[in-house]
Amino acid sequence: MTTTTRQAASARGLTKTYGRGDAQVHALRGVDLDLPRGRFTAIMGPSGSGKSTLMHCLAGLDQAGGGTVTVAGIDLGSLDDDALTIFRREHVGFVFQSFNLLPMLTAGENIMLPLELGSRRIDDAARERVHTLADTLGVADRLGHRPAELSGGQQQRVAIARALVTQPDLLFADEPTGNLDSTTSAEVLDHLRRSARELGQTVVMVTHERDAAAYADDVVTMQDGRIV
């Protein structure tokens, strides 16, 4: 494998500045980073370190001021807004602190939703993938329940399954345990680790918690817009 194919994503010379004059904030200061395929990487640092900005640039949610971001061999700087929307739908999965499940849908329907939004064919293979993910994440017996009938940990595991169902090149988890107690947090983090080790998924988690970062294969620490 070449260096390019071994990496799910890479950043080179990444810069991002907000504001002007005395109010100017340098969120990213020349960041270089490679994210290996099939590994669980934690990006950690205190508030204001630049970790969330880095995630947003890697995910195509925000545009860097300088440098390049490449995901699945695609230079994100070459894409317009419409192409970025399609890119995110086809190549990136997201898990958020607040779960973001649709309350009127069952757990199974929430997991299937990205396939329907992407106009993908819902065939036997897709349904089998949903059940495989649900089984791996421990929610196979909850697919017929709505979010209000699930615990916080179960909701987050459904959200992880939803993010994985399209087989994205990158799964981003933004402070995924922020609304969970310590026991449930450990369960969710273990499932993220299993997603990398058993499903071959590339997982990138943003966190400020050392205990959470300890579950990752690789830890990237940021401070003042730089990797330290």
Protein backbone atom coordinates (compact mmCIF):
# COMPACT_ATOMS: atom_id res chain seq x y z
CA MET A 1 0.00 0.00 0.00
CA THR A 2 1.18 3.51 -0.72
CA THR A 3 1.27 6.18 1.98
CA THR A 4 -1.87 7.75 0.45
CA THR A 5 -3.94 4.57 0.51
CA ARG A 6 -2.90 3.84 4.11
CA GLN A 7 -4.45 7.13 5.23
CA ALA A 8 -8.17 7.75 5.51
CA ALA A 9 -7.49 11.49 5.66
CA SER A 10 -4.61 13.91 5.86
CA ALA A 11 -4.06 17.61 6.53
CA ARG A 12 -1.05 19.64 5.46
CA GLY A 13 -0.22 23.15 6.64
CA LEU A 14 -3.76 23.70 7.87
CA THR A 15 -4.53 27.22 9.12
CA LYS A 16 -7.76 28.85 10.27
CA THR A 17 -8.26 32.36 11.64
CA TYR A 18 -11.39 33.96 13.04
CA GLY A 19 -11.98 37.68 13.43
CA ARG A 20 -9.74 40.62 12.62
CA GLY A 21 -7.41 43.02 14.36
CA ASP A 22 -7.25 42.76 18.14
CA ALA A 23 -10.11 40.23 18.09
CA GLN A 24 -8.28 37.85 15.75
CA VAL A 25 -8.02 34.24 16.91
CA HIS A 26 -5.66 31.74 15.27
CA ALA A 27 -7.62 28.51 15.70
CA LEU A 28 -5.20 26.41 13.60
CA ARG A 29 -1.52 27.23 13.08
CA GLY A 30 -0.03 25.04 10.35
CA VAL A 31 -1.40 21.63 11.36
CA ASP A 32 -0.04 18.49 9.69
CA LEU A 33 -1.91 15.26 10.46
CA ASP A 34 -2.42 11.78 9.01
CA LEU A 35 -5.37 9.61 10.07
CA PRO A 36 -4.61 5.91 9.41
CA ARG A 37 -7.34 3.69 8.03
CA GLY A 38 -9.09 1.36 10.44
CA ARG A 39 -7.83 3.02 13.62
CA PHE A 40 -9.44 4.93 16.47
CA THR A 41 -7.82 8.35 16.87
CA ALA A 42 -8.61 10.77 19.69
CA ILE A 43 -7.99 14.49 19.23
CA MET A 44 -7.84 16.04 22.66
CA GLY A 45 -7.05 19.36 24.26
CA PRO A 46 -8.57 22.09 26.41
CA SER A 47 -11.31 24.45 25.27
CA GLY A 48 -9.94 26.78 22.61
CA SER A 49 -7.10 24.46 21.60
CA GLY A 50 -8.39 24.10 18.03
CA LYS A 51 -9.53 20.48 18.21
CA SER A 52 -13.13 21.16 17.14
CA THR A 53 -11.99 23.48 14.35
CA LEU A 54 -9.65 20.76 13.10
CA MET A 55 -12.49 18.23 13.11
CA HIS A 56 -14.80 20.62 11.22
CA CYS A 57 -12.14 21.19 8.55
CA LEU A 58 -11.40 17.46 8.20
CA ALA A 59 -15.13 16.72 7.92
CA GLY A 60 -15.80 19.39 5.31
CA LEU A 61 -18.04 21.37 7.67
CA ASP A 62 -15.72 24.38 7.60
CA GLN A 63 -13.16 25.63 5.12
CA ALA A 64 -9.57 26.11 6.18
CA GLY A 65 -7.91 29.46 5.61
CA GLY A 66 -4.80 27.79 4.25
CA GLY A 67 -3.34 24.36 3.64
CA THR A 68 -5.02 21.23 2.28
CA VAL A 69 -7.36 18.52 3.53
CA THR A 70 -7.61 15.21 1.67
CA VAL A 71 -10.22 12.58 2.52
CA ALA A 72 -10.61 9.33 0.56
CA GLY A 73 -8.26 10.78 -2.04
CA ILE A 74 -10.42 13.89 -2.50
CA ASP A 75 -9.00 17.40 -2.01
CA LEU A 76 -11.81 19.14 -0.12
CA GLY A 77 -10.57 22.55 -1.26
CA SER A 78 -11.53 21.66 -4.84
CA LEU A 79 -15.22 21.14 -3.96
CA ASP A 80 -18.01 23.72 -4.08
CA ASP A 81 -20.83 23.79 -1.51
CA ASP A 82 -23.04 21.31 -3.39
CA ALA A 83 -20.17 18.90 -3.93
CA LEU A 84 -19.20 19.18 -0.25
CA THR A 85 -22.74 18.26 0.77
CA ILE A 86 -22.59 15.14 -1.41
CA PHE A 87 -19.09 14.37 -0.12
CA ARG A 88 -20.21 14.47 3.52
CA ARG A 89 -23.24 12.31 2.78
CA GLU A 90 -21.17 9.65 1.02
CA HIS A 91 -17.88 9.67 2.93
CA VAL A 92 -18.41 10.98 6.48
CA GLY A 93 -20.43 9.84 9.48
CA PHE A 94 -21.12 11.93 12.59
CA VAL A 95 -21.88 11.08 16.22
CA PHE A 96 -22.83 14.03 18.41
CA GLN A 97 -22.99 14.63 22.15
CA SER A 98 -26.76 15.19 21.97
CA PHE A 99 -27.54 11.97 19.98
CA ASN A 100 -29.80 13.84 17.45
CA LEU A 101 -32.16 10.92 16.88
CA LEU A 102 -35.55 11.71 15.36
CA PRO A 103 -38.13 11.07 18.12
CA MET A 104 -40.94 9.93 15.82
CA LEU A 105 -38.85 7.15 14.28
CA THR A 106 -37.92 3.82 15.84
CA ALA A 107 -34.28 2.96 16.49
CA GLY A 108 -34.23 0.82 13.35
CA GLU A 109 -35.75 3.60 11.25
CA ASN A 110 -33.22 6.10 12.63
CA ILE A 111 -30.38 3.79 11.62
CA MET A 112 -31.81 3.38 8.10
CA LEU A 113 -32.39 7.12 7.64
CA PRO A 114 -29.02 8.02 6.01
CA LEU A 115 -29.62 5.36 3.34
CA GLU A 116 -33.04 6.80 2.56
CA LEU A 117 -31.78 10.40 2.49
CA GLY A 118 -29.00 9.38 0.14
CA SER A 119 -31.53 7.67 -2.16
CA ARG A 120 -29.68 4.39 -1.72
CA ARG A 121 -31.43 1.13 -2.44
CA ILE A 122 -32.76 -0.50 0.72
CA ASP A 123 -32.16 -4.13 -0.21
CA ASP A 124 -31.52 -7.29 1.80
CA ALA A 125 -27.82 -6.46 2.06
CA ALA A 126 -28.61 -3.04 3.58
CA ARG A 127 -31.04 -4.56 6.06
CA GLU A 128 -28.48 -7.19 6.99
CA ARG A 129 -25.90 -4.47 7.64
CA VAL A 130 -28.35 -2.67 9.94
CA HIS A 131 -28.87 -5.85 11.95
CA THR A 132 -25.13 -6.59 12.04
CA LEU A 133 -24.39 -3.10 13.35
CA ALA A 134 -27.22 -3.27 15.87
CA ASP A 135 -25.95 -6.63 17.10
CA THR A 136 -22.34 -5.42 17.35
CA LEU A 137 -23.45 -2.31 19.25
CA GLY A 138 -25.80 -4.18 21.55
CA VAL A 139 -29.13 -2.66 20.44
CA ALA A 140 -30.51 -5.45 18.26
CA ASP A 141 -33.36 -6.02 20.71
CA ARG A 142 -34.29 -2.31 20.72
CA LEU A 143 -34.78 -1.65 16.99
CA GLY A 144 -38.57 -1.35 17.35
CA HIS A 145 -38.37 1.21 20.17
CA ARG A 146 -38.46 4.99 19.82
CA PRO A 147 -35.68 7.14 21.36
CA ALA A 148 -37.81 8.09 24.38
CA GLU A 149 -37.95 4.39 25.26
CA LEU A 150 -34.15 4.00 25.22
CA SER A 151 -31.51 4.85 27.80
CA GLY A 152 -28.90 7.50 27.00
CA GLY A 153 -26.32 4.85 26.26
CA GLN A 154 -28.69 2.97 23.97
CA GLN A 155 -29.53 6.18 22.12
CA GLN A 156 -25.85 6.93 21.58
CA ARG A 157 -25.22 3.39 20.31
CA VAL A 158 -28.12 3.78 17.87
CA ALA A 159 -26.54 7.06 16.75
CA ILE A 160 -23.24 5.26 16.18
CA ALA A 161 -24.99 2.57 14.12
CA ARG A 162 -26.72 5.29 12.09
CA ALA A 163 -23.36 6.93 11.40
CA LEU A 164 -21.80 3.62 10.34
CA VAL A 165 -24.58 2.28 8.12
CA THR A 166 -23.33 4.09 4.99
CA GLN A 167 -19.83 2.66 5.54
CA PRO A 168 -18.18 6.10 5.67
CA ASP A 169 -14.47 6.63 5.15
CA LEU A 170 -14.41 8.60 8.40
CA LEU A 171 -16.58 8.48 11.51
CA PHE A 172 -16.33 11.66 13.61
CA ALA A 173 -17.45 11.55 17.24
CA ASP A 174 -17.72 15.01 18.84
CA GLU A 175 -17.57 14.67 22.65
CA PRO A 176 -19.81 11.56 22.33
CA THR A 177 -19.92 10.85 26.08
CA GLY A 178 -20.61 14.39 27.27
CA ASN A 179 -24.21 13.60 28.27
CA LEU A 180 -23.54 10.16 29.76
CA ASP A 181 -22.59 8.84 33.18
CA SER A 182 -19.21 7.16 33.66
CA THR A 183 -20.46 3.59 33.28
CA THR A 184 -22.44 4.31 30.13
CA SER A 185 -19.56 6.41 28.75
CA ALA A 186 -17.24 3.41 29.10
CA GLU A 187 -19.72 1.23 27.19
CA VAL A 188 -20.02 3.75 24.32
CA LEU A 189 -16.25 4.24 24.11
CA ASP A 190 -15.75 0.49 24.03
CA HIS A 191 -18.20 0.25 21.13
CA LEU A 192 -16.33 2.98 19.23
CA ARG A 193 -13.12 1.01 19.76
CA ARG A 194 -14.84 -2.17 18.56
CA SER A 195 -16.03 -0.31 15.45
CA ALA A 196 -12.40 0.22 14.51
CA ARG A 197 -11.07 -3.18 15.56
CA GLU A 198 -13.93 -5.43 14.43
CA LEU A 199 -15.51 -3.46 11.58
CA GLY A 200 -12.34 -1.80 10.23
CA GLN A 201 -13.89 1.65 10.63
CA THR A 202 -11.73 4.77 10.87
CA VAL A 203 -12.92 6.67 13.95
CA VAL A 204 -11.90 10.19 14.97
CA MET A 205 -13.08 11.40 18.37
CA VAL A 206 -12.80 14.94 19.73
CA THR A 207 -12.63 15.04 23.51
CA HIS A 208 -11.17 16.99 26.41
CA GLU A 209 -11.22 13.95 28.70
CA ARG A 210 -8.08 11.87 29.18
CA ASP A 211 -10.10 8.86 30.32
CA ALA A 212 -12.02 8.90 27.03
CA ALA A 213 -8.87 9.37 24.94
CA ALA A 214 -7.33 6.31 26.61
CA TYR A 215 -9.70 4.08 24.61
CA ALA A 216 -8.15 5.24 21.32
CA ASP A 217 -5.34 3.59 19.36
CA ASP A 218 -3.72 6.98 18.74
CA VAL A 219 -3.98 10.26 20.67
CA VAL A 220 -3.33 13.67 19.14
CA THR A 221 -3.00 16.49 21.68
CA MET A 222 -3.63 20.09 20.65
CA GLN A 223 -2.84 23.39 22.29
CA ASP A 224 -3.15 26.93 20.92
CA GLY A 225 -3.94 25.70 17.41
CA ARG A 226 -0.97 23.34 17.16
CA ILE A 227 -0.36 19.63 17.64
CA VAL A 228 1.92 19.31 20.62
